[in-house]
Amino acid sequence: MFDHKDTLRVPTWQLQLHNSKKWHLCNVSQDEYMGKAGETDAFHPNYHLHPEYQYASCQQGVINSGDLIYYPEGGLICCVVYS
């Protein structure tokens, strides 16, 4: 799965209704390290092709059924179904 910016121009809340989802979230302040949307697999980055990616300060975590996640406007996100 590749990182991208949501087209929603507002902060977002996501409710996980079923199963689990692994998230990768980066604040807009990390844009200089991220490259173009879709260039890098956020969960398995190729640092040889995109060495700047290793300097990004991002967060990863898993949310489960019933969990709620918030991310601010403009940040990069990436998520995959985990279970």
Protein backbone atom coordinates (compact mmCIF):
# COMPACT_ATOMS: atom_id res chain seq x y z
CA MET A 1 0.00 0.00 0.00
CA PHE A 2 1.30 3.44 -0.88
CA ASP A 3 1.11 6.65 1.09
CA HIS A 4 -1.11 9.46 -0.14
CA LYS A 5 -2.88 12.61 0.99
CA ASP A 6 -6.62 12.41 1.36
CA THR A 7 -8.56 14.76 -0.84
CA LEU A 8 -10.63 15.79 2.16
CA ARG A 9 -9.44 19.24 3.17
CA VAL A 10 -10.49 18.79 6.78
CA PRO A 11 -9.24 16.84 9.80
CA THR A 12 -10.64 13.31 9.70
CA TRP A 13 -11.96 10.74 12.15
CA GLN A 14 -12.06 7.09 11.05
CA LEU A 15 -14.04 4.45 12.93
CA GLN A 16 -12.94 0.83 12.45
CA LEU A 17 -16.15 -1.20 12.40
CA HIS A 18 -14.79 -4.67 11.64
CA ASN A 19 -11.41 -6.44 11.68
CA SER A 20 -8.19 -4.49 12.17
CA LYS A 21 -6.29 -2.01 10.06
CA LYS A 22 -2.62 -1.03 10.17
CA TRP A 23 -2.05 2.72 9.74
CA HIS A 24 0.97 4.80 8.77
CA LEU A 25 0.47 8.52 9.49
CA CYS A 26 2.78 11.43 8.73
CA ASN A 27 2.26 15.05 9.66
CA VAL A 28 2.32 17.62 6.88
CA SER A 29 5.65 18.83 8.33
CA GLN A 30 7.23 15.62 6.97
CA ASP A 31 6.37 16.31 3.30
CA GLU A 32 9.98 17.06 2.36
CA TYR A 33 10.93 13.44 3.16
CA MET A 34 7.95 11.69 1.62
CA GLY A 35 8.37 12.12 -2.13
CA LYS A 36 5.35 11.85 -4.42
CA ALA A 37 2.22 9.95 -3.50
CA GLY A 38 2.49 6.31 -4.49
CA GLU A 39 6.28 6.27 -4.90
CA THR A 40 7.06 4.36 -1.72
CA ASP A 41 5.43 1.47 0.10
CA ALA A 42 4.96 2.97 3.56
CA PHE A 43 5.23 -0.40 5.32
CA HIS A 44 8.21 -1.70 3.32
CA PRO A 45 10.09 1.36 2.04
CA ASN A 46 13.01 0.97 -0.33
CA TYR A 47 15.61 3.29 1.18
CA HIS A 48 17.97 2.75 -1.75
CA LEU A 49 15.46 4.31 -4.16
CA HIS A 50 14.15 6.90 -1.68
CA PRO A 51 16.83 7.54 0.98
CA GLU A 52 15.08 10.66 2.30
CA TYR A 53 12.14 8.52 3.45
CA GLN A 54 14.17 7.15 6.37
CA TYR A 55 14.34 10.63 7.94
CA ALA A 56 10.56 11.10 8.12
CA SER A 57 9.08 11.10 11.59
CA CYS A 58 5.83 9.18 11.15
CA GLN A 59 3.69 6.93 13.32
CA GLN A 60 2.46 3.39 12.73
CA GLY A 61 -0.14 1.50 14.67
CA VAL A 62 -3.01 -0.96 14.48
CA ILE A 63 -6.61 -0.11 15.21
CA ASN A 64 -9.18 -2.80 15.96
CA SER A 65 -12.96 -3.12 15.78
CA GLY A 66 -14.52 -0.24 17.70
CA ASP A 67 -11.38 1.93 17.67
CA LEU A 68 -11.41 5.50 16.44
CA ILE A 69 -8.46 7.26 14.81
CA TYR A 70 -7.96 10.96 14.08
CA TYR A 71 -5.60 12.53 11.60
CA PRO A 72 -5.20 16.21 10.78
CA GLU A 73 -5.73 17.88 7.44
CA GLY A 74 -2.94 17.56 4.89
CA GLY A 75 -0.99 14.69 6.41
CA LEU A 76 0.09 11.61 4.52
CA ILE A 77 -1.72 8.41 5.31
CA CYS A 78 -1.47 4.78 4.39
CA CYS A 79 -3.47 1.87 5.70
CA VAL A 80 -3.95 -1.83 5.03
CA VAL A 81 -6.37 -4.41 6.38
CA TYR A 82 -4.47 -6.21 9.09
CA SER A 83 -6.79 -9.07 10.02
